[in-house]
């Protein structure tokens, strides 16, 4: 949720986003990849004036409705459910 909250304010490149959240870039990339696959964020590679590549992410418009049925279905679909 912190990733979404920060991207709701402005688009950010991965290094800046990782710094603000206090998360390693590899772990952040994992979360951003999942958010991108789900259609919540979009990433775009851009070159700085110095020629360095930065991947910027921005939040895409979405509406999320969570109901009891949604939660029950998600848990039923989780293959790790019940594993301790």
N, C-alpha and C. Protein backbone atom coordinates (compact mmCIF):
# COMPACT_ATOMS: atom_id res chain seq x y z
N UNK A 1 0.83 -1.19 0.00
CA UNK A 1 0.00 0.00 0.00
C UNK A 1 0.87 1.25 0.00
N UNK A 2 2.06 1.16 0.60
CA UNK A 2 2.94 2.34 0.60
C UNK A 2 3.39 2.68 -0.82
N UNK A 3 3.63 1.66 -1.63
CA UNK A 3 4.03 1.90 -3.02
C UNK A 3 2.92 2.64 -3.74
N UNK A 4 1.70 2.17 -3.62
CA UNK A 4 0.56 2.80 -4.28
C UNK A 4 0.36 4.22 -3.76
N UNK A 5 0.50 4.43 -2.46
CA UNK A 5 0.32 5.77 -1.89
C UNK A 5 1.34 6.75 -2.44
N UNK A 6 2.60 6.34 -2.55
CA UNK A 6 3.62 7.24 -3.08
C UNK A 6 3.42 7.51 -4.57
N UNK A 7 3.06 6.47 -5.32
CA UNK A 7 2.85 6.66 -6.76
C UNK A 7 1.57 7.45 -7.04
N UNK A 8 0.65 7.51 -6.10
CA UNK A 8 -0.55 8.33 -6.26
C UNK A 8 -0.18 9.81 -6.25
N UNK A 9 0.93 10.16 -5.59
CA UNK A 9 1.38 11.55 -5.51
C UNK A 9 2.14 11.97 -6.75
N UNK A 10 3.01 11.06 -7.27
CA UNK A 10 3.83 11.38 -8.44
C UNK A 10 4.48 10.11 -8.96
N UNK A 11 4.88 10.15 -10.22
CA UNK A 11 5.63 9.02 -10.77
C UNK A 11 7.04 9.10 -10.24
N UNK A 12 7.64 7.94 -10.00
CA UNK A 12 8.97 7.89 -9.40
C UNK A 12 9.80 6.81 -10.07
N UNK A 13 11.13 7.02 -10.09
CA UNK A 13 12.00 5.94 -10.57
C UNK A 13 12.31 5.02 -9.40
N UNK A 14 12.70 3.82 -9.74
CA UNK A 14 12.82 2.75 -8.75
C UNK A 14 13.75 3.12 -7.60
N UNK A 15 14.89 3.73 -7.89
CA UNK A 15 15.84 4.06 -6.82
C UNK A 15 15.22 5.04 -5.82
N UNK A 16 14.52 6.05 -6.32
CA UNK A 16 13.89 7.03 -5.44
C UNK A 16 12.76 6.38 -4.63
N UNK A 17 11.98 5.55 -5.28
CA UNK A 17 10.88 4.87 -4.60
C UNK A 17 11.43 3.94 -3.50
N UNK A 18 12.49 3.21 -3.82
CA UNK A 18 13.12 2.31 -2.83
C UNK A 18 13.64 3.11 -1.64
N UNK A 19 14.25 4.26 -1.90
CA UNK A 19 14.79 5.10 -0.83
C UNK A 19 13.67 5.60 0.08
N UNK A 20 12.58 6.07 -0.52
CA UNK A 20 11.48 6.62 0.27
C UNK A 20 10.79 5.55 1.12
N UNK A 21 10.70 4.35 0.58
CA UNK A 21 10.01 3.27 1.30
C UNK A 21 10.95 2.57 2.28
N UNK A 22 12.25 2.63 2.00
CA UNK A 22 13.21 1.92 2.84
C UNK A 22 13.26 0.44 2.51
N UNK A 23 13.20 0.14 1.22
CA UNK A 23 13.16 -1.25 0.75
C UNK A 23 14.28 -1.44 -0.26
N UNK A 24 14.83 -2.64 -0.34
CA UNK A 24 15.85 -2.92 -1.34
C UNK A 24 15.23 -2.86 -2.74
N UNK A 25 16.05 -2.48 -3.71
CA UNK A 25 15.54 -2.40 -5.08
C UNK A 25 15.05 -3.75 -5.61
N UNK A 26 15.78 -4.86 -5.36
CA UNK A 26 15.27 -6.15 -5.86
C UNK A 26 13.90 -6.51 -5.29
N UNK A 27 13.70 -6.28 -3.99
CA UNK A 27 12.40 -6.58 -3.39
C UNK A 27 11.32 -5.65 -3.94
N UNK A 28 11.67 -4.38 -4.11
CA UNK A 28 10.72 -3.42 -4.68
C UNK A 28 10.34 -3.82 -6.10
N UNK A 29 11.33 -4.22 -6.92
CA UNK A 29 11.04 -4.68 -8.28
C UNK A 29 10.07 -5.85 -8.27
N UNK A 30 10.23 -6.77 -7.32
CA UNK A 30 9.32 -7.90 -7.24
C UNK A 30 7.88 -7.41 -7.03
N UNK A 31 7.71 -6.47 -6.09
CA UNK A 31 6.37 -5.94 -5.82
C UNK A 31 5.84 -5.14 -7.01
N UNK A 32 6.70 -4.33 -7.63
CA UNK A 32 6.27 -3.53 -8.78
C UNK A 32 5.88 -4.41 -9.96
N UNK A 33 6.60 -5.51 -10.16
CA UNK A 33 6.27 -6.44 -11.24
C UNK A 33 4.88 -7.02 -11.03
N UNK A 34 4.59 -7.41 -9.80
CA UNK A 34 3.25 -7.95 -9.50
C UNK A 34 2.17 -6.89 -9.69
N UNK A 35 2.44 -5.67 -9.24
CA UNK A 35 1.47 -4.58 -9.42
C UNK A 35 1.28 -4.26 -10.90
N UNK A 36 2.37 -4.34 -11.68
CA UNK A 36 2.28 -4.08 -13.11
C UNK A 36 1.48 -5.18 -13.81
N UNK A 37 1.73 -6.43 -13.46
CA UNK A 37 0.99 -7.55 -14.05
C UNK A 37 -0.50 -7.47 -13.72
N UNK A 38 -0.82 -6.94 -12.55
CA UNK A 38 -2.22 -6.80 -12.13
C UNK A 38 -2.89 -5.56 -12.73
N UNK A 39 -2.10 -4.70 -13.39
CA UNK A 39 -2.67 -3.52 -14.04
C UNK A 39 -2.82 -2.30 -13.14
N UNK A 40 -2.13 -2.31 -12.00
CA UNK A 40 -2.22 -1.17 -11.07
C UNK A 40 -1.19 -0.08 -11.36
N UNK A 41 -0.03 -0.48 -11.89
CA UNK A 41 1.03 0.48 -12.21
C UNK A 41 1.57 0.19 -13.60
N UNK A 42 2.25 1.20 -14.16
CA UNK A 42 2.92 1.03 -15.45
C UNK A 42 4.34 1.54 -15.30
N UNK A 43 5.29 0.80 -15.85
CA UNK A 43 6.69 1.20 -15.80
C UNK A 43 7.18 1.57 -17.18
N UNK A 44 8.08 2.56 -17.21
CA UNK A 44 8.64 2.99 -18.50
C UNK A 44 10.11 3.36 -18.28
N UNK A 45 10.96 2.86 -19.16
CA UNK A 45 12.39 3.14 -19.09
C UNK A 45 12.67 4.46 -19.79
N UNK A 46 13.40 5.35 -19.12
CA UNK A 46 13.76 6.65 -19.69
C UNK A 46 15.23 6.91 -19.46
N UNK A 47 15.84 7.67 -20.37
CA UNK A 47 17.25 8.04 -20.24
C UNK A 47 17.36 9.42 -19.64
N UNK A 48 18.27 9.56 -18.68
CA UNK A 48 18.53 10.88 -18.10
C UNK A 48 19.41 11.67 -19.06
N UNK A 49 19.63 12.94 -18.75
CA UNK A 49 20.49 13.77 -19.59
C UNK A 49 21.91 13.23 -19.64
N UNK A 50 22.31 12.52 -18.59
CA UNK A 50 23.65 11.92 -18.53
C UNK A 50 23.71 10.58 -19.27
N UNK A 51 22.58 10.12 -19.78
CA UNK A 51 22.52 8.87 -20.51
C UNK A 51 22.28 7.65 -19.65
N UNK A 52 21.95 7.87 -18.38
CA UNK A 52 21.68 6.76 -17.47
C UNK A 52 20.21 6.36 -17.58
N UNK A 53 19.96 5.05 -17.63
CA UNK A 53 18.58 4.55 -17.73
C UNK A 53 17.93 4.52 -16.36
N UNK A 54 16.72 5.04 -16.29
CA UNK A 54 15.91 4.99 -15.07
C UNK A 54 14.55 4.41 -15.43
N UNK A 55 14.07 3.49 -14.63
CA UNK A 55 12.73 2.96 -14.86
C UNK A 55 11.78 3.71 -13.94
N UNK A 56 10.85 4.43 -14.56
CA UNK A 56 9.85 5.20 -13.82
C UNK A 56 8.56 4.40 -13.75
N UNK A 57 7.89 4.50 -12.62
CA UNK A 57 6.59 3.86 -12.45
C UNK A 57 5.56 4.91 -12.12
N UNK A 58 4.36 4.70 -12.65
CA UNK A 58 3.24 5.57 -12.33
C UNK A 58 2.01 4.72 -12.03
N UNK A 59 1.15 5.28 -11.22
CA UNK A 59 -0.08 4.60 -10.85
C UNK A 59 -1.10 4.74 -11.96
N UNK A 60 -1.77 3.65 -12.30
CA UNK A 60 -2.84 3.68 -13.29
C UNK A 60 -4.17 3.81 -12.56
N UNK A 61 -5.16 4.41 -13.21
CA UNK A 61 -6.47 4.52 -12.56
C UNK A 61 -7.07 3.13 -12.32
N UNK A 62 -7.60 2.92 -11.14
CA UNK A 62 -8.26 1.65 -10.85
C UNK A 62 -9.24 1.85 -9.71
N UNK A 63 -10.16 0.91 -9.63
CA UNK A 63 -11.10 0.87 -8.52
C UNK A 63 -11.09 -0.55 -8.00
N UNK A 64 -10.94 -0.69 -6.71
CA UNK A 64 -10.85 -2.00 -6.09
C UNK A 64 -12.02 -2.18 -5.14
N UNK A 65 -12.82 -3.21 -5.41
CA UNK A 65 -13.96 -3.51 -4.54
C UNK A 65 -13.67 -4.85 -3.87
N UNK A 66 -13.67 -4.84 -2.55
CA UNK A 66 -13.41 -6.06 -1.79
C UNK A 66 -14.68 -6.44 -1.03
N UNK A 67 -15.12 -7.65 -1.27
CA UNK A 67 -16.30 -8.16 -0.58
C UNK A 67 -15.92 -9.45 0.15
N UNK A 68 -16.82 -9.93 0.95
CA UNK A 68 -16.59 -11.21 1.62
C UNK A 68 -16.35 -12.30 0.59
N UNK A 69 -17.13 -12.29 -0.47
CA UNK A 69 -16.99 -13.30 -1.53
C UNK A 69 -15.60 -13.22 -2.17
N UNK A 70 -15.10 -12.01 -2.41
CA UNK A 70 -13.78 -11.84 -2.99
C UNK A 70 -12.71 -12.46 -2.11
N UNK A 71 -12.80 -12.23 -0.81
CA UNK A 71 -11.82 -12.77 0.13
C UNK A 71 -11.91 -14.29 0.19
N UNK A 72 -13.11 -14.83 0.26
CA UNK A 72 -13.29 -16.29 0.30
C UNK A 72 -12.74 -16.93 -0.97
N UNK A 73 -13.03 -16.34 -2.13
CA UNK A 73 -12.53 -16.87 -3.40
C UNK A 73 -11.01 -16.81 -3.47
N UNK A 74 -10.42 -15.72 -2.98
CA UNK A 74 -8.96 -15.58 -3.01
C UNK A 74 -8.30 -16.63 -2.12
N UNK A 75 -8.86 -16.86 -0.97
CA UNK A 75 -8.30 -17.86 -0.06
C UNK A 75 -8.47 -19.26 -0.64
N UNK A 76 -9.60 -19.53 -1.26
CA UNK A 76 -9.84 -20.85 -1.86
C UNK A 76 -8.88 -21.11 -3.02
N UNK A 77 -8.47 -20.05 -3.72
CA UNK A 77 -7.57 -20.20 -4.87
C UNK A 77 -6.11 -20.27 -4.46
N UNK A 78 -5.78 -19.99 -3.19
CA UNK A 78 -4.40 -19.97 -2.71
C UNK A 78 -3.92 -21.40 -2.45
N UNK A 79 -2.95 -21.88 -3.25
CA UNK A 79 -2.48 -23.26 -3.06
C UNK A 79 -1.71 -23.45 -1.75
N UNK A 80 -1.26 -22.38 -1.12
CA UNK A 80 -0.52 -22.51 0.14
C UNK A 80 -1.42 -22.40 1.35
N UNK A 81 -2.72 -22.18 1.14
CA UNK A 81 -3.65 -22.04 2.26
C UNK A 81 -3.64 -23.31 3.10
N UNK A 82 -3.52 -23.13 4.38
CA UNK A 82 -3.52 -24.27 5.29
C UNK A 82 -2.14 -24.78 5.61
N UNK A 83 -1.11 -24.31 4.86
CA UNK A 83 0.26 -24.72 5.16
C UNK A 83 0.81 -23.83 6.25
N UNK A 84 1.49 -24.41 7.18
CA UNK A 84 2.06 -23.64 8.28
C UNK A 84 3.56 -23.64 8.16
